[in-house]
Amino acid sequence: MERLHTYPQLNVVYPEKAVFFRLGGNVALTELSDAEHARYSKLAAEAYTLCHPQGRWMIKKTYSIKDGAIYFTDGNILHGKMFADRLSEAGYVWFAAVTVGGEIVEARDSLNDISAAAVYDAVASEMADETMDMLQKMTFAHLARFGGVLESRRYSPGYGDMPLEEQKVFYRILEMQDMGITLTENCFMIPEKSVTAVAPVMLQKQ
């Protein structure tokens, strides 16, 4: 069960509506002029081609859960009481990481046009989220063969009471250096548009 599933290239469809909402638009209420729509579409299409989604995931069995932390047999410990409480009946943890690469970030940072940079940033952010959604759906389909269920709600280091320093646990377990991801001293991921997540897994049989 504890096998690293790696996807070096993922064909993620451009999430147009999500990007538009992130930019502050409302499909039902906002109307763009033809010129504005053409410019927006061109920038978004350019940004999309600069995203290179990849991801990996692993399911690990817990050893024990106590004092707001999850202990694994390999010595890794994941802190975060809110998430630990969610695992009281699950017994397994799904670890996942995705990135859209550094090219889109470098391109965004090279732009002098603030509005264009905002479009690039929105596309990169939504593509990262969409990649994680895809990974979660792939895992759900995989687990169905084992009578397992992956909870839809996921958690990430830095949110709730899970310290950002827990990124180090993800980094070790998922061997994220092979994805071209590094951690800063403050545990921020580079490339910037990278996302990690955990979720409870219920397994009826192995």
N, C-alpha and C. Protein backbone atom coordinates (compact mmCIF):
# COMPACT_ATOMS: atom_id res chain seq x y z
N MET A 1 0.83 -1.21 0.00
CA MET A 1 0.00 0.00 0.00
C MET A 1 0.86 1.26 0.00
N GLU A 2 1.97 1.22 0.74
CA GLU A 2 2.79 2.43 0.85
C GLU A 2 3.74 2.52 -0.35
N ARG A 3 3.15 2.78 -1.50
CA ARG A 3 3.90 2.93 -2.73
C ARG A 3 3.74 4.35 -3.26
N LEU A 4 4.83 4.91 -3.76
CA LEU A 4 4.80 6.26 -4.28
C LEU A 4 4.27 6.23 -5.71
N HIS A 5 3.16 6.91 -5.94
CA HIS A 5 2.56 7.00 -7.26
C HIS A 5 2.98 8.34 -7.89
N THR A 6 3.65 8.26 -9.01
CA THR A 6 4.25 9.45 -9.61
C THR A 6 3.70 9.71 -10.99
N TYR A 7 3.35 10.99 -11.25
CA TYR A 7 2.82 11.40 -12.54
C TYR A 7 3.60 12.63 -13.02
N PRO A 8 4.67 12.39 -13.80
CA PRO A 8 5.53 13.50 -14.23
C PRO A 8 4.89 14.46 -15.20
N GLN A 9 3.81 14.03 -15.87
CA GLN A 9 3.09 14.91 -16.79
C GLN A 9 1.60 14.64 -16.65
N LEU A 10 0.84 15.66 -16.32
CA LEU A 10 -0.60 15.53 -16.19
C LEU A 10 -1.29 16.48 -17.16
N ASN A 11 -2.25 15.96 -17.86
CA ASN A 11 -2.99 16.77 -18.84
C ASN A 11 -4.17 17.44 -18.14
N VAL A 12 -3.91 18.61 -17.60
CA VAL A 12 -4.93 19.34 -16.84
C VAL A 12 -5.60 20.36 -17.75
N VAL A 13 -6.91 20.30 -17.82
CA VAL A 13 -7.67 21.23 -18.65
C VAL A 13 -7.66 22.62 -18.03
N TYR A 14 -7.52 23.62 -18.85
CA TYR A 14 -7.48 25.00 -18.37
C TYR A 14 -8.78 25.35 -17.65
N PRO A 15 -8.73 25.70 -16.36
CA PRO A 15 -9.94 26.01 -15.57
C PRO A 15 -10.38 27.46 -15.77
N GLU A 16 -10.97 27.74 -16.90
CA GLU A 16 -11.28 29.12 -17.29
C GLU A 16 -12.16 29.85 -16.29
N LYS A 17 -13.26 29.23 -15.87
CA LYS A 17 -14.19 29.91 -14.96
C LYS A 17 -13.52 30.21 -13.62
N ALA A 18 -12.74 29.25 -13.11
CA ALA A 18 -12.07 29.46 -11.83
C ALA A 18 -11.06 30.60 -11.92
N VAL A 19 -10.36 30.69 -13.03
CA VAL A 19 -9.39 31.78 -13.22
C VAL A 19 -10.11 33.11 -13.23
N PHE A 20 -11.23 33.17 -13.95
CA PHE A 20 -12.00 34.42 -14.05
C PHE A 20 -12.49 34.87 -12.69
N PHE A 21 -12.99 33.93 -11.89
CA PHE A 21 -13.45 34.27 -10.54
C PHE A 21 -12.30 34.76 -9.68
N ARG A 22 -11.13 34.12 -9.80
CA ARG A 22 -9.97 34.54 -9.01
C ARG A 22 -9.57 35.97 -9.35
N LEU A 23 -9.78 36.35 -10.60
CA LEU A 23 -9.44 37.70 -11.04
C LEU A 23 -10.50 38.72 -10.64
N GLY A 24 -11.59 38.23 -10.03
CA GLY A 24 -12.61 39.15 -9.55
C GLY A 24 -13.80 39.28 -10.46
N GLY A 25 -13.89 38.42 -11.48
CA GLY A 25 -15.00 38.48 -12.40
C GLY A 25 -16.15 37.60 -11.96
N ASN A 26 -17.29 37.84 -12.55
CA ASN A 26 -18.47 37.02 -12.30
C ASN A 26 -19.09 36.73 -13.66
N VAL A 27 -19.11 35.46 -14.02
CA VAL A 27 -19.57 35.09 -15.36
C VAL A 27 -20.99 35.58 -15.62
N ALA A 28 -21.81 35.62 -14.58
CA ALA A 28 -23.21 36.00 -14.77
C ALA A 28 -23.40 37.50 -14.86
N LEU A 29 -22.51 38.28 -14.24
CA LEU A 29 -22.73 39.71 -14.13
C LEU A 29 -21.76 40.56 -14.92
N THR A 30 -20.59 40.06 -15.20
CA THR A 30 -19.55 40.87 -15.83
C THR A 30 -19.50 40.62 -17.33
N GLU A 31 -19.52 41.70 -18.09
CA GLU A 31 -19.41 41.61 -19.53
C GLU A 31 -18.15 42.33 -19.97
N LEU A 32 -17.32 41.65 -20.72
CA LEU A 32 -16.10 42.25 -21.23
C LEU A 32 -16.33 42.71 -22.66
N SER A 33 -15.66 43.79 -23.03
CA SER A 33 -15.71 44.20 -24.43
C SER A 33 -14.97 43.15 -25.25
N ASP A 34 -15.20 43.16 -26.54
CA ASP A 34 -14.53 42.19 -27.40
C ASP A 34 -13.01 42.31 -27.29
N ALA A 35 -12.53 43.54 -27.22
CA ALA A 35 -11.09 43.78 -27.13
C ALA A 35 -10.54 43.28 -25.80
N GLU A 36 -11.28 43.52 -24.71
CA GLU A 36 -10.84 43.07 -23.39
C GLU A 36 -10.85 41.54 -23.32
N HIS A 37 -11.90 40.96 -23.87
CA HIS A 37 -11.99 39.51 -23.84
C HIS A 37 -10.87 38.87 -24.65
N ALA A 38 -10.55 39.45 -25.79
CA ALA A 38 -9.48 38.92 -26.63
C ALA A 38 -8.14 39.02 -25.92
N ARG A 39 -7.89 40.15 -25.24
CA ARG A 39 -6.62 40.33 -24.52
C ARG A 39 -6.53 39.36 -23.36
N TYR A 40 -7.61 39.25 -22.60
CA TYR A 40 -7.64 38.34 -21.46
C TYR A 40 -7.39 36.90 -21.92
N SER A 41 -8.08 36.50 -22.97
CA SER A 41 -7.95 35.12 -23.47
C SER A 41 -6.54 34.84 -23.96
N LYS A 42 -5.94 35.82 -24.62
CA LYS A 42 -4.58 35.64 -25.14
C LYS A 42 -3.58 35.47 -24.00
N LEU A 43 -3.68 36.33 -22.98
CA LEU A 43 -2.78 36.24 -21.84
C LEU A 43 -2.95 34.91 -21.11
N ALA A 44 -4.20 34.51 -20.90
CA ALA A 44 -4.47 33.27 -20.19
C ALA A 44 -3.95 32.07 -20.97
N ALA A 45 -4.11 32.09 -22.29
CA ALA A 45 -3.63 30.98 -23.12
C ALA A 45 -2.11 30.90 -23.06
N GLU A 46 -1.45 32.06 -23.07
CA GLU A 46 0.01 32.08 -22.96
C GLU A 46 0.45 31.50 -21.62
N ALA A 47 -0.23 31.91 -20.55
CA ALA A 47 0.12 31.43 -19.21
C ALA A 47 -0.09 29.93 -19.09
N TYR A 48 -1.16 29.45 -19.67
CA TYR A 48 -1.48 28.02 -19.61
C TYR A 48 -0.38 27.17 -20.22
N THR A 49 0.18 27.63 -21.35
CA THR A 49 1.23 26.86 -22.01
C THR A 49 2.52 26.80 -21.19
N LEU A 50 2.66 27.70 -20.21
CA LEU A 50 3.86 27.74 -19.39
C LEU A 50 3.73 26.90 -18.12
N CYS A 51 2.56 26.31 -17.93
CA CYS A 51 2.34 25.44 -16.77
C CYS A 51 2.65 24.00 -17.16
N HIS A 52 3.38 23.32 -16.28
CA HIS A 52 3.76 21.92 -16.53
C HIS A 52 3.37 21.08 -15.31
N PRO A 53 2.09 20.74 -15.22
CA PRO A 53 1.58 20.05 -14.02
C PRO A 53 2.17 18.65 -13.84
N GLN A 54 2.53 18.37 -12.62
CA GLN A 54 2.95 17.02 -12.23
C GLN A 54 2.55 16.80 -10.79
N GLY A 55 2.48 15.54 -10.39
CA GLY A 55 2.08 15.25 -9.02
C GLY A 55 2.48 13.86 -8.58
N ARG A 56 2.36 13.63 -7.30
CA ARG A 56 2.62 12.31 -6.73
C ARG A 56 1.87 12.15 -5.42
N TRP A 57 1.57 10.92 -5.08
CA TRP A 57 0.86 10.66 -3.83
C TRP A 57 1.27 9.31 -3.24
N MET A 58 1.00 9.18 -1.95
CA MET A 58 1.26 7.94 -1.23
C MET A 58 0.27 7.82 -0.08
N ILE A 59 -0.12 6.59 0.22
CA ILE A 59 -0.97 6.33 1.37
C ILE A 59 -0.15 5.62 2.43
N LYS A 60 -0.19 6.15 3.65
CA LYS A 60 0.59 5.57 4.75
C LYS A 60 -0.33 5.18 5.90
N LYS A 61 -0.03 4.06 6.50
CA LYS A 61 -0.79 3.59 7.65
C LYS A 61 -0.26 4.26 8.91
N THR A 62 -1.16 4.67 9.77
CA THR A 62 -0.75 5.31 11.02
C THR A 62 -0.33 4.25 12.03
N TYR A 63 0.58 4.64 12.90
CA TYR A 63 1.03 3.75 13.98
C TYR A 63 0.26 4.07 15.25
N SER A 64 0.17 5.36 15.54
CA SER A 64 -0.63 5.80 16.68
C SER A 64 -0.97 7.27 16.51
N ILE A 65 -2.02 7.69 17.21
CA ILE A 65 -2.45 9.09 17.19
C ILE A 65 -2.63 9.53 18.64
N LYS A 66 -1.84 10.51 19.03
CA LYS A 66 -1.94 10.98 20.42
C LYS A 66 -1.37 12.40 20.51
N ASP A 67 -1.89 13.14 21.48
CA ASP A 67 -1.41 14.49 21.77
C ASP A 67 -1.40 15.38 20.54
N GLY A 68 -2.41 15.24 19.69
CA GLY A 68 -2.52 16.11 18.52
C GLY A 68 -1.51 15.84 17.45
N ALA A 69 -0.98 14.62 17.39
CA ALA A 69 0.01 14.26 16.39
C ALA A 69 -0.25 12.85 15.87
N ILE A 70 0.19 12.60 14.64
CA ILE A 70 0.03 11.30 14.00
C ILE A 70 1.40 10.67 13.85
N TYR A 71 1.57 9.48 14.33
CA TYR A 71 2.85 8.78 14.30
C TYR A 71 2.80 7.65 13.27
N PHE A 72 3.86 7.54 12.48
CA PHE A 72 3.95 6.51 11.45
C PHE A 72 5.08 5.54 11.79
N THR A 73 5.00 4.34 11.24
CA THR A 73 5.97 3.30 11.59
C THR A 73 7.38 3.63 11.13
N ASP A 74 7.53 4.52 10.14
CA ASP A 74 8.87 4.86 9.65
C ASP A 74 9.52 5.98 10.44
N GLY A 75 8.86 6.43 11.51
CA GLY A 75 9.43 7.47 12.36
C GLY A 75 8.94 8.87 12.06
N ASN A 76 8.22 9.05 10.97
CA ASN A 76 7.67 10.37 10.66
C ASN A 76 6.53 10.70 11.61
N ILE A 77 6.43 11.98 11.96
CA ILE A 77 5.37 12.47 12.84
C ILE A 77 4.74 13.69 12.17
N LEU A 78 3.41 13.68 12.07
CA LEU A 78 2.68 14.81 11.49
C LEU A 78 1.86 15.47 12.57
N HIS A 79 2.16 16.75 12.86
CA HIS A 79 1.46 17.48 13.91
C HIS A 79 0.27 18.25 13.34
N GLY A 80 -0.74 18.39 14.17
CA GLY A 80 -1.94 19.11 13.77
C GLY A 80 -3.15 18.44 14.38
N LYS A 81 -3.66 18.99 15.49
CA LYS A 81 -4.72 18.33 16.24
C LYS A 81 -6.01 18.19 15.43
N MET A 82 -6.35 19.24 14.66
CA MET A 82 -7.60 19.19 13.89
C MET A 82 -7.59 18.02 12.92
N PHE A 83 -6.48 17.83 12.22
CA PHE A 83 -6.39 16.72 11.28
C PHE A 83 -6.30 15.40 12.01
N ALA A 84 -5.54 15.35 13.10
CA ALA A 84 -5.42 14.12 13.87
C ALA A 84 -6.78 13.64 14.37
N ASP A 85 -7.61 14.58 14.78
CA ASP A 85 -8.94 14.23 15.26
C ASP A 85 -9.79 13.60 14.15
N ARG A 86 -9.57 14.06 12.90
CA ARG A 86 -10.32 13.52 11.77
C ARG A 86 -9.93 12.07 11.47
N LEU A 87 -8.76 11.67 11.98
CA LEU A 87 -8.24 10.34 11.68
C LEU A 87 -8.59 9.29 12.71
N SER A 88 -9.43 9.65 13.65
CA SER A 88 -9.70 8.75 14.78
C SER A 88 -10.21 7.38 14.33
N GLU A 89 -10.90 7.31 13.19
CA GLU A 89 -11.44 6.04 12.72
C GLU A 89 -10.86 5.63 11.36
N ALA A 90 -10.03 6.46 10.77
CA ALA A 90 -9.53 6.17 9.42
C ALA A 90 -8.37 5.19 9.43
N GLY A 91 -7.28 5.56 10.07
CA GLY A 91 -6.14 4.66 10.16
C GLY A 91 -5.13 4.79 9.04
N TYR A 92 -5.47 5.53 7.98
CA TYR A 92 -4.56 5.73 6.86
C TYR A 92 -4.57 7.21 6.46
N VAL A 93 -3.46 7.64 5.91
CA VAL A 93 -3.32 9.04 5.50
C VAL A 93 -2.84 9.11 4.06
N TRP A 94 -3.51 9.95 3.29
CA TRP A 94 -3.12 10.23 1.90
C TRP A 94 -2.25 11.48 1.89
N PHE A 95 -1.01 11.34 1.42
CA PHE A 95 -0.10 12.47 1.23
C PHE A 95 -0.01 12.76 -0.26
N ALA A 96 -0.05 14.04 -0.63
CA ALA A 96 0.03 14.39 -2.05
C ALA A 96 0.77 15.71 -2.23
N ALA A 97 1.41 15.84 -3.39
CA ALA A 97 2.10 17.08 -3.75
C ALA A 97 1.96 17.29 -5.25
N VAL A 98 1.74 18.54 -5.65
CA VAL A 98 1.68 18.89 -7.06
C VAL A 98 2.46 20.19 -7.28
N THR A 99 2.87 20.38 -8.51
CA THR A 99 3.49 21.65 -8.90
C THR A 99 3.20 21.89 -10.37
N VAL A 100 3.16 23.15 -10.75
CA VAL A 100 3.03 23.49 -12.17
C VAL A 100 4.36 23.98 -12.72
N GLY A 101 5.41 23.87 -11.92
CA GLY A 101 6.75 24.22 -12.38
C GLY A 101 7.10 25.68 -12.20
N GLY A 102 8.35 26.00 -12.50
CA GLY A 102 8.84 27.35 -12.27
C GLY A 102 8.75 28.28 -13.46
N GLU A 103 8.49 27.73 -14.65
CA GLU A 103 8.49 28.58 -15.85
C GLU A 103 7.42 29.65 -15.79
N ILE A 104 6.22 29.29 -15.34
CA ILE A 104 5.13 30.25 -15.26
C ILE A 104 5.43 31.35 -14.25
N VAL A 105 6.09 30.99 -13.15
CA VAL A 105 6.42 31.98 -12.11
C VAL A 105 7.47 32.96 -12.64
N GLU A 106 8.47 32.44 -13.31
CA GLU A 106 9.51 33.31 -13.88
C GLU A 106 8.92 34.26 -14.92
N ALA A 107 8.01 33.75 -15.74
CA ALA A 107 7.37 34.58 -16.76
C ALA A 107 6.53 35.67 -16.11
N ARG A 108 5.77 35.30 -15.08
CA ARG A 108 4.95 36.30 -14.37
C ARG A 108 5.81 37.41 -13.78
N ASP A 109 6.91 37.02 -13.16
CA ASP A 109 7.78 38.00 -12.50
C ASP A 109 8.52 38.89 -13.49
N SER A 110 8.59 38.48 -14.74
CA SER A 110 9.30 39.28 -15.75
C SER A 110 8.39 40.32 -16.39
N LEU A 111 7.09 40.23 -16.13
CA LEU A 111 6.14 41.15 -16.76
C LEU A 111 6.12 42.51 -16.05
N ASN A 112 6.08 43.57 -16.82
CA ASN A 112 5.96 44.92 -16.26
C ASN A 112 4.51 45.37 -16.17
N ASP A 113 3.65 44.68 -16.88
CA ASP A 113 2.22 44.99 -16.88
C ASP A 113 1.57 44.27 -15.70
N ILE A 114 1.06 45.06 -14.74
CA ILE A 114 0.48 44.47 -13.52
C ILE A 114 -0.73 43.60 -13.83
N SER A 115 -1.58 44.06 -14.74
CA SER A 115 -2.78 43.29 -15.05
C SER A 115 -2.43 41.97 -15.74
N ALA A 116 -1.41 42.00 -16.60
CA ALA A 116 -0.98 40.78 -17.26
C ALA A 116 -0.38 39.81 -16.24
N ALA A 117 0.40 40.34 -15.30
CA ALA A 117 0.99 39.51 -14.26
C ALA A 117 -0.10 38.87 -13.39
N ALA A 118 -1.19 39.62 -13.17
CA ALA A 118 -2.29 39.09 -12.37
C ALA A 118 -2.95 37.91 -13.08
N VAL A 119 -3.07 37.99 -14.40
CA VAL A 119 -3.65 36.90 -15.16
C VAL A 119 -2.75 35.67 -15.07
N TYR A 120 -1.45 35.86 -15.25
CA TYR A 120 -0.50 34.76 -15.16
C TYR A 120 -0.57 34.09 -13.79
N ASP A 121 -0.63 34.92 -12.75
CA ASP A 121 -0.67 34.40 -11.38
C ASP A 121 -1.95 33.60 -11.15
N ALA A 122 -3.07 34.12 -11.64
CA ALA A 122 -4.35 33.43 -11.45
C ALA A 122 -4.36 32.09 -12.17
N VAL A 123 -3.84 32.07 -13.38
CA VAL A 123 -3.79 30.81 -14.13
C VAL A 123 -2.92 29.79 -13.40
N ALA A 124 -1.76 30.22 -12.94
CA ALA A 124 -0.85 29.31 -12.24
C ALA A 124 -1.48 28.76 -10.96
N SER A 125 -2.12 29.62 -10.19
CA SER A 125 -2.74 29.20 -8.93
C SER A 125 -3.87 28.21 -9.18
N GLU A 126 -4.73 28.53 -10.12
CA GLU A 126 -5.86 27.65 -10.39
C GLU A 126 -5.42 26.34 -11.03
N MET A 127 -4.37 26.39 -11.83
CA MET A 127 -3.84 25.15 -12.42
C MET A 127 -3.28 24.23 -11.34
N ALA A 128 -2.63 24.81 -10.33
CA ALA A 128 -2.11 24.00 -9.22
C ALA A 128 -3.26 23.35 -8.46
N ASP A 129 -4.31 24.13 -8.19
CA ASP A 129 -5.47 23.58 -7.49
C ASP A 129 -6.16 22.50 -8.32
N GLU A 130 -6.28 22.75 -9.62
CA GLU A 130 -6.92 21.79 -10.51
C GLU A 130 -6.11 20.50 -10.59
N THR A 131 -4.78 20.63 -10.56
CA THR A 131 -3.92 19.45 -10.58
C THR A 131 -4.12 18.61 -9.32
N MET A 132 -4.23 19.28 -8.17
CA MET A 132 -4.48 18.54 -6.94
C MET A 132 -5.84 17.87 -6.97
N ASP A 133 -6.85 18.55 -7.52
CA ASP A 133 -8.17 17.94 -7.66
C ASP A 133 -8.09 16.67 -8.51
N MET A 134 -7.33 16.76 -9.60
CA MET A 134 -7.17 15.61 -10.49
C MET A 134 -6.51 14.45 -9.75
N LEU A 135 -5.47 14.76 -8.98
CA LEU A 135 -4.76 13.73 -8.24
C LEU A 135 -5.68 13.05 -7.23
N GLN A 136 -6.52 13.86 -6.61
CA GLN A 136 -7.45 13.32 -5.62
C GLN A 136 -8.47 12.39 -6.29
N LYS A 137 -8.95 12.76 -7.47
CA LYS A 137 -9.90 11.91 -8.19
C LYS A 137 -9.24 10.60 -8.64
N MET A 138 -7.99 10.69 -9.08
CA MET A 138 -7.26 9.48 -9.49
C MET A 138 -7.07 8.54 -8.31
N THR A 139 -6.77 9.12 -7.14
CA THR A 139 -6.60 8.31 -5.94
C THR A 139 -7.91 7.65 -5.54
N PHE A 140 -8.98 8.40 -5.63
CA PHE A 140 -10.31 7.87 -5.29
C PHE A 140 -10.63 6.65 -6.15
N ALA A 141 -10.34 6.75 -7.46
CA ALA A 141 -10.60 5.63 -8.36
C ALA A 141 -9.71 4.43 -8.02
N HIS A 142 -8.46 4.71 -7.66
CA HIS A 142 -7.53 3.64 -7.29
C HIS A 142 -8.01 2.92 -6.03
N LEU A 143 -8.44 3.68 -5.04
CA LEU A 143 -8.85 3.09 -3.77
C LEU A 143 -10.13 2.28 -3.89
N ALA A 144 -10.96 2.62 -4.86
CA ALA A 144 -12.22 1.90 -5.04
C ALA A 144 -11.98 0.42 -5.26
N ARG A 145 -10.84 0.08 -5.82
CA ARG A 145 -10.51 -1.34 -6.07
C ARG A 145 -10.23 -2.09 -4.78
N PHE A 146 -9.91 -1.35 -3.71
CA PHE A 146 -9.59 -1.97 -2.43
C PHE A 146 -10.72 -1.78 -1.41
N GLY A 147 -11.83 -1.29 -1.90
CA GLY A 147 -12.93 -0.99 -0.98
C GLY A 147 -12.62 0.19 -0.11
N GLY A 148 -11.75 1.06 -0.59
CA GLY A 148 -11.33 2.23 0.20
C GLY A 148 -11.99 3.52 -0.26
N VAL A 149 -11.97 4.49 0.63
CA VAL A 149 -12.56 5.79 0.34
C VAL A 149 -11.62 6.89 0.81
N LEU A 150 -11.36 7.85 -0.07
CA LEU A 150 -10.56 9.02 0.28
C LEU A 150 -11.50 10.16 0.60
N GLU A 151 -11.33 10.74 1.78
CA GLU A 151 -12.18 11.86 2.17
C GLU A 151 -11.92 13.05 1.26
N SER A 152 -12.98 13.74 0.85
CA SER A 152 -12.84 14.84 -0.10
C SER A 152 -12.17 16.05 0.53
N ARG A 153 -12.40 16.29 1.82
CA ARG A 153 -11.79 17.44 2.47
C ARG A 153 -10.31 17.16 2.72
N ARG A 154 -9.47 18.09 2.31
CA ARG A 154 -8.03 17.91 2.50
C ARG A 154 -7.44 19.06 3.31
N TYR A 155 -6.28 18.79 3.88
CA TYR A 155 -5.59 19.74 4.75
C TYR A 155 -4.19 19.99 4.20
N SER A 156 -3.63 21.14 4.54
CA SER A 156 -2.28 21.48 4.08
C SER A 156 -1.51 22.15 5.22
N PRO A 157 -0.21 21.97 5.25
CA PRO A 157 0.62 22.67 6.25
C PRO A 157 0.45 24.18 6.13
N GLY A 158 0.37 24.84 7.27
CA GLY A 158 0.19 26.28 7.27
C GLY A 158 -1.25 26.72 7.43
N TYR A 159 -2.18 25.77 7.35
CA TYR A 159 -3.60 26.09 7.52
C TYR A 159 -4.11 25.41 8.78
N GLY A 160 -5.06 26.07 9.43
CA GLY A 160 -5.56 25.52 10.68
C GLY A 160 -4.44 25.46 11.70
N ASP A 161 -4.35 24.35 12.42
CA ASP A 161 -3.30 24.23 13.44
C ASP A 161 -2.17 23.31 12.98
N MET A 162 -2.08 23.05 11.68
CA MET A 162 -0.97 22.25 11.16
C MET A 162 0.18 23.19 10.80
N PRO A 163 1.28 23.13 11.54
CA PRO A 163 2.39 24.07 11.32
C PRO A 163 2.96 23.96 9.90
N LEU A 164 3.41 25.10 9.37
CA LEU A 164 4.03 25.10 8.05
C LEU A 164 5.27 24.22 8.02
N GLU A 165 5.92 24.06 9.18
CA GLU A 165 7.13 23.23 9.26
C GLU A 165 6.86 21.76 8.89
N GLU A 166 5.58 21.38 8.90
CA GLU A 166 5.25 20.00 8.53
C GLU A 166 5.50 19.72 7.05
N GLN A 167 5.79 20.77 6.28
CA GLN A 167 6.17 20.55 4.88
C GLN A 167 7.38 19.60 4.80
N LYS A 168 8.22 19.62 5.82
CA LYS A 168 9.39 18.75 5.82
C LYS A 168 8.99 17.28 5.80
N VAL A 169 7.87 16.95 6.45
CA VAL A 169 7.38 15.58 6.47
C VAL A 169 6.93 15.18 5.06
N PHE A 170 6.20 16.06 4.41
CA PHE A 170 5.77 15.81 3.03
C PHE A 170 6.98 15.64 2.11
N TYR A 171 7.95 16.51 2.32
CA TYR A 171 9.13 16.51 1.46
C TYR A 171 9.86 15.16 1.53
N ARG A 172 9.97 14.63 2.75
CA ARG A 172 10.64 13.34 2.93
C ARG A 172 9.82 12.19 2.35
N ILE A 173 8.55 12.15 2.71
CA ILE A 173 7.71 11.02 2.33
C ILE A 173 7.51 10.96 0.81
N LEU A 174 7.30 12.12 0.19
CA LEU A 174 7.00 12.15 -1.24
C LEU A 174 8.23 12.38 -2.12
N GLU A 175 9.39 12.49 -1.48
CA GLU A 175 10.65 12.68 -2.22
C GLU A 175 10.49 13.83 -3.23
N MET A 176 10.05 14.95 -2.71
CA MET A 176 9.67 16.08 -3.56
C MET A 176 10.83 16.72 -4.30
N GLN A 177 12.05 16.42 -3.89
CA GLN A 177 13.20 16.94 -4.62
C GLN A 177 13.20 16.42 -6.06
N ASP A 178 12.63 15.23 -6.27
CA ASP A 178 12.58 14.66 -7.61
C ASP A 178 11.54 15.36 -8.49
N MET A 179 10.73 16.21 -7.89
CA MET A 179 9.76 17.00 -8.65
C MET A 179 10.33 18.38 -8.97
N GLY A 180 11.57 18.62 -8.56
CA GLY A 180 12.17 19.94 -8.77
C GLY A 180 11.74 20.95 -7.73
N ILE A 181 11.21 20.45 -6.60
CA ILE A 181 10.74 21.33 -5.52
C ILE A 181 11.80 21.40 -4.42
N THR A 182 12.03 22.60 -3.93
CA THR A 182 12.90 22.80 -2.77
C THR A 182 12.13 23.54 -1.69
N LEU A 183 12.64 23.45 -0.46
CA LEU A 183 12.05 24.17 0.67
C LEU A 183 13.01 25.25 1.14
N THR A 184 12.46 26.42 1.42
CA THR A 184 13.28 27.48 2.00
C THR A 184 13.46 27.20 3.49
N GLU A 185 14.27 28.01 4.15
CA GLU A 185 14.47 27.84 5.60
C GLU A 185 13.16 27.97 6.36
N ASN A 186 12.22 28.76 5.80
CA ASN A 186 10.92 28.96 6.44
C ASN A 186 9.87 27.99 5.94
N CYS A 187 10.31 26.98 5.19
CA CYS A 187 9.45 25.91 4.69
C CYS A 187 8.45 26.34 3.62
N PHE A 188 8.77 27.40 2.88
CA PHE A 188 7.99 27.75 1.71
C PHE A 188 8.53 26.95 0.53
N MET A 189 7.63 26.54 -0.36
CA MET A 189 8.04 25.72 -1.49
C MET A 189 8.45 26.56 -2.69
N ILE A 190 9.48 26.12 -3.35
CA ILE A 190 9.91 26.68 -4.62
C ILE A 190 9.96 25.53 -5.62
N PRO A 191 9.26 25.63 -6.78
CA PRO A 191 8.51 26.76 -7.32
C PRO A 191 7.31 27.15 -6.44
N GLU A 192 6.96 28.41 -6.54
CA GLU A 192 5.90 28.98 -5.71
C GLU A 192 4.57 28.27 -5.91
N LYS A 193 4.21 27.97 -7.13
CA LYS A 193 2.91 27.36 -7.43
C LYS A 193 2.97 25.85 -7.26
N SER A 194 3.25 25.45 -6.04
CA SER A 194 3.28 24.04 -5.64
C SER A 194 2.35 23.88 -4.45
N VAL A 195 1.71 22.74 -4.34
CA VAL A 195 0.71 22.53 -3.28
C VAL A 195 0.90 21.13 -2.69
N THR A 196 0.76 21.04 -1.37
CA THR A 196 0.74 19.74 -0.69
C THR A 196 -0.59 19.57 0.03
N ALA A 197 -0.97 18.32 0.26
CA ALA A 197 -2.24 18.07 0.94
C ALA A 197 -2.23 16.70 1.59
N VAL A 198 -3.03 16.57 2.63
CA VAL A 198 -3.29 15.28 3.26
C VAL A 198 -4.79 15.13 3.44
N ALA A 199 -5.24 13.87 3.48
CA ALA A 199 -6.65 13.60 3.72
C ALA A 199 -6.76 12.21 4.33
N PRO A 200 -7.79 11.97 5.14
CA PRO A 200 -8.00 10.66 5.73
C PRO A 200 -8.43 9.63 4.68
N VAL A 201 -8.03 8.39 4.90
CA VAL A 201 -8.40 7.28 4.01
C VAL A 201 -9.00 6.17 4.86
N MET A 202 -10.15 5.68 4.42
CA MET A 202 -10.78 4.54 5.06
C MET A 202 -10.58 3.33 4.14
N LEU A 203 -9.97 2.26 4.67
CA LEU A 203 -9.75 1.05 3.90
C LEU A 203 -10.48 -0.12 4.55
N GLN A 204 -11.32 -0.80 3.77
CA GLN A 204 -12.01 -1.97 4.27
C GLN A 204 -11.18 -3.22 4.14
N LYS A 205 -10.33 -3.24 3.12
CA LYS A 205 -9.45 -4.38 2.93
C LYS A 205 -8.22 -3.92 2.18
N GLN A 206 -7.14 -4.65 2.27
CA GLN A 206 -5.91 -4.31 1.61
C GLN A 206 -5.69 -5.20 0.40
